[in-house]
Amino acid sequence: MANVNHSTLTDPYLHEPKGIGSAGTGTVYVADGAGSGTWLEKTRFIGAYIAFDSVTPAYQHSCTTSDTILDPSFSIADSNGFSGEAIPNARLKYTGTENINVQIIFTISAKQVSGGDKDIEWSLWKNGVELGGSRVVRTTPSGSWGSSSVYSFTELVTNDYLEVKVKAEANCTIDVASAFMSIMGSAH
């Protein structure tokens, strides 16, 4: 039998990639385009929420005319490669080891506690920098619940963190009935 390098084999003669015997459950082989590759997690995700309570809202936030970090106690619904942190404030931190591209979805139900209508803005931030295109605004009347949704795409590396910030056209207080933040991604 002739000595043949695996790198010269054509498609009908290829077999499972090296390392299949020790590859973790749910991992996928990602080729590097140079005849090799790496076993990586198929998906990374987290779902974090503020439990619904429209009678005695679990979280109240004092809005100013500057962006302030939304700082509730998030409950984690499910996670793979992320953690929820409370210090120095509420944030979701990526703890996986591979670089990933993610979609972020944040939905919140809130109302202004008192006073006239106010425009309330919500935005997503990565490592203290606003994610372009993620800012939304909603006119929020006093005593009337409404929902806002914020979306973004970005790349994450180990220890990157995501936060939600809020600001209003004038100082006011908002009650939060519920919120959910979902981050889904995969290696590239």
Protein backbone atom coordinates (compact mmCIF):
# COMPACT_ATOMS: atom_id res chain seq x y z
CA MET A 1 0.00 0.00 0.00
CA ALA A 2 1.35 3.41 -0.95
CA ASN A 3 1.93 6.11 1.64
CA VAL A 4 -0.74 8.77 1.11
CA ASN A 5 -1.14 11.93 3.16
CA HIS A 6 -4.65 12.54 4.40
CA SER A 7 -4.44 16.08 3.05
CA THR A 8 -4.29 14.68 -0.51
CA LEU A 9 -7.36 12.43 -0.20
CA THR A 10 -10.43 13.45 -2.17
CA ASP A 11 -14.00 13.44 -0.92
CA PRO A 12 -15.04 9.79 -1.43
CA TYR A 13 -12.03 8.62 0.66
CA LEU A 14 -12.38 11.05 3.56
CA HIS A 15 -13.51 9.80 6.98
CA GLU A 16 -14.46 11.24 10.36
CA PRO A 17 -12.12 14.04 11.45
CA LYS A 18 -9.36 13.42 13.97
CA GLY A 19 -10.41 13.67 17.58
CA ILE A 20 -13.92 12.24 17.07
CA GLY A 21 -13.26 9.71 19.83
CA SER A 22 -12.73 12.44 22.43
CA ALA A 23 -15.10 15.09 21.04
CA GLY A 24 -17.62 16.31 23.62
CA THR A 25 -21.35 15.72 23.31
CA GLY A 26 -22.97 18.46 21.23
CA THR A 27 -19.72 19.69 19.73
CA VAL A 28 -19.16 20.15 16.02
CA TYR A 29 -16.02 20.09 13.94
CA VAL A 30 -15.23 23.48 12.42
CA ALA A 31 -12.75 23.33 9.54
CA ASP A 32 -10.10 26.04 9.33
CA GLY A 33 -9.75 25.90 5.53
CA ALA A 34 -6.16 24.66 5.77
CA GLY A 35 -6.80 20.93 6.13
CA SER A 36 -7.44 20.97 9.87
CA GLY A 37 -10.04 22.18 12.35
CA THR A 38 -11.27 22.25 15.93
CA TRP A 39 -14.11 20.70 17.95
CA LEU A 40 -16.32 23.49 19.28
CA GLU A 41 -19.62 23.83 21.12
CA LYS A 42 -22.50 23.74 18.63
CA THR A 43 -24.34 26.60 20.32
CA ARG A 44 -23.88 28.98 23.23
CA PHE A 45 -26.88 30.60 24.87
CA ILE A 46 -28.47 32.19 27.89
CA GLY A 47 -31.99 33.21 28.81
CA ALA A 48 -32.34 35.59 31.77
CA TYR A 49 -35.51 37.20 33.07
CA ILE A 50 -37.32 39.33 35.60
CA ALA A 51 -40.36 37.31 36.68
CA PHE A 52 -43.74 38.80 35.75
CA ASP A 53 -45.44 40.89 38.44
CA SER A 54 -47.65 43.79 37.35
CA VAL A 55 -49.22 44.28 40.81
CA THR A 56 -46.11 44.89 42.92
CA PRO A 57 -43.35 45.15 40.31
CA ALA A 58 -40.16 43.40 41.35
CA TYR A 59 -37.96 46.14 39.90
CA GLN A 60 -38.24 49.92 39.78
CA HIS A 61 -35.70 52.15 38.02
CA SER A 62 -34.97 55.86 38.36
CA CYS A 63 -34.41 57.21 34.85
CA THR A 64 -32.39 60.30 34.08
CA THR A 65 -31.57 62.09 30.84
CA SER A 66 -28.32 60.05 30.65
CA ASP A 67 -27.97 56.33 29.98
CA THR A 68 -28.07 54.35 33.23
CA ILE A 69 -27.63 50.60 33.60
CA LEU A 70 -30.80 48.60 34.15
CA ASP A 71 -29.85 46.77 37.36
CA PRO A 72 -32.47 44.16 38.35
CA SER A 73 -31.85 40.72 39.79
CA PHE A 74 -32.04 38.48 36.72
CA SER A 75 -33.07 34.83 37.08
CA ILE A 76 -31.33 32.46 34.68
CA ALA A 77 -33.71 30.22 32.72
CA ASP A 78 -30.99 28.21 30.96
CA SER A 79 -27.38 28.74 29.98
CA ASN A 80 -24.45 27.22 28.11
CA GLY A 81 -21.26 29.30 28.16
CA PHE A 82 -22.67 32.34 29.98
CA SER A 83 -23.14 33.52 33.55
CA GLY A 84 -25.35 36.12 35.14
CA GLU A 85 -23.58 38.69 37.29
CA ALA A 86 -24.88 41.16 39.87
CA ILE A 87 -21.60 42.92 40.71
CA PRO A 88 -20.84 45.65 39.79
CA ASN A 89 -24.34 45.55 38.23
CA ALA A 90 -26.72 43.27 36.32
CA ARG A 91 -24.96 41.87 33.25
CA LEU A 92 -24.67 38.67 31.26
CA LYS A 93 -21.07 37.52 30.79
CA TYR A 94 -19.74 35.15 28.13
CA THR A 95 -17.63 32.42 29.78
CA GLY A 96 -17.12 30.11 26.78
CA THR A 97 -13.69 29.76 25.22
CA GLU A 98 -14.42 30.03 21.49
CA ASN A 99 -15.23 33.29 19.68
CA ILE A 100 -18.93 33.35 18.81
CA ASN A 101 -21.36 35.42 16.74
CA VAL A 102 -24.56 36.08 18.69
CA GLN A 103 -28.04 37.46 18.31
CA ILE A 104 -29.33 39.38 21.34
CA ILE A 105 -33.01 39.96 22.04
CA PHE A 106 -34.23 41.99 25.01
CA THR A 107 -37.93 42.54 25.69
CA ILE A 108 -39.33 44.55 28.58
CA SER A 109 -42.80 45.52 29.89
CA ALA A 110 -42.68 48.79 31.82
CA LYS A 111 -44.71 51.81 32.82
CA GLN A 112 -43.93 55.24 34.16
CA VAL A 113 -44.91 55.62 37.83
CA SER A 114 -46.32 59.19 37.65
CA GLY A 115 -46.28 62.42 35.66
CA GLY A 116 -46.80 63.22 32.00
CA ASP A 117 -45.80 61.09 29.03
CA LYS A 118 -42.06 60.54 28.65
CA ASP A 119 -39.97 59.15 25.81
CA ILE A 120 -37.99 56.23 27.25
CA GLU A 121 -34.97 54.85 25.34
CA TRP A 122 -33.50 51.33 25.71
CA SER A 123 -30.17 50.14 24.29
CA LEU A 124 -27.75 47.20 24.45
CA TRP A 125 -24.12 47.66 25.52
CA LYS A 126 -21.10 45.34 25.19
CA ASN A 127 -18.16 45.95 27.53
CA GLY A 128 -19.41 49.50 28.20
CA VAL A 129 -19.87 50.43 24.52
CA GLU A 130 -23.30 50.81 22.91
CA LEU A 131 -24.06 48.28 20.17
CA GLY A 132 -24.87 50.33 17.07
CA GLY A 133 -28.46 50.07 15.89
CA SER A 134 -29.77 48.68 19.18
CA ARG A 135 -31.39 51.85 20.56
CA VAL A 136 -35.21 52.05 20.55
CA VAL A 137 -37.61 54.63 21.96
CA ARG A 138 -41.19 54.39 23.23
CA THR A 139 -43.45 57.11 24.60
CA THR A 140 -44.45 55.80 28.02
CA PRO A 141 -47.50 57.28 29.73
CA SER A 142 -48.01 57.20 33.48
CA GLY A 143 -49.85 54.14 34.76
CA SER A 144 -50.07 52.35 31.40
CA TRP A 145 -48.03 49.21 30.67
CA GLY A 146 -46.22 48.92 27.38
CA SER A 147 -43.53 46.72 25.86
CA SER A 148 -40.31 47.50 24.05
CA SER A 149 -37.96 45.11 22.26
CA VAL A 150 -34.29 45.64 21.49
CA TYR A 151 -32.22 43.49 19.07
CA SER A 152 -28.60 43.31 18.02
CA PHE A 153 -25.88 41.07 16.55
CA THR A 154 -22.26 41.06 17.70
CA GLU A 155 -19.20 38.88 18.22
CA LEU A 156 -18.25 37.76 21.74
CA VAL A 157 -14.96 36.51 23.15
CA THR A 158 -14.32 35.12 26.61
CA ASN A 159 -15.28 37.55 29.41
CA ASP A 160 -17.23 39.97 27.18
CA TYR A 161 -20.36 41.17 28.95
CA LEU A 162 -23.70 42.63 27.89
CA GLU A 163 -25.86 45.18 29.69
CA VAL A 164 -29.08 47.09 29.04
CA LYS A 165 -29.18 50.84 29.54
CA VAL A 166 -32.16 53.17 29.76
CA LYS A 167 -32.71 56.91 29.66
CA ALA A 168 -35.67 59.27 29.49
CA GLU A 169 -36.32 62.72 28.06
CA ALA A 170 -36.79 63.93 31.67
CA ASN A 171 -36.21 62.37 35.09
CA CYS A 172 -38.84 59.79 35.99
CA THR A 173 -39.32 56.43 37.67
CA ILE A 174 -40.42 53.30 35.83
CA ASP A 175 -41.90 50.06 37.13
CA VAL A 176 -40.89 46.86 35.35
CA ALA A 177 -43.54 44.12 35.14
CA SER A 178 -41.22 41.68 33.34
CA ALA A 179 -38.21 41.43 31.08
CA PHE A 180 -36.38 38.71 29.14
CA MET A 181 -32.93 38.74 27.57
CA SER A 182 -31.90 35.99 25.18
CA ILE A 183 -28.43 35.54 23.70
CA MET A 184 -27.89 32.78 21.11
CA GLY A 185 -24.73 32.14 19.18
CA SER A 186 -22.30 29.73 17.65
CA ALA A 187 -18.60 29.56 16.88
CA HIS A 188 -17.26 30.77 13.58
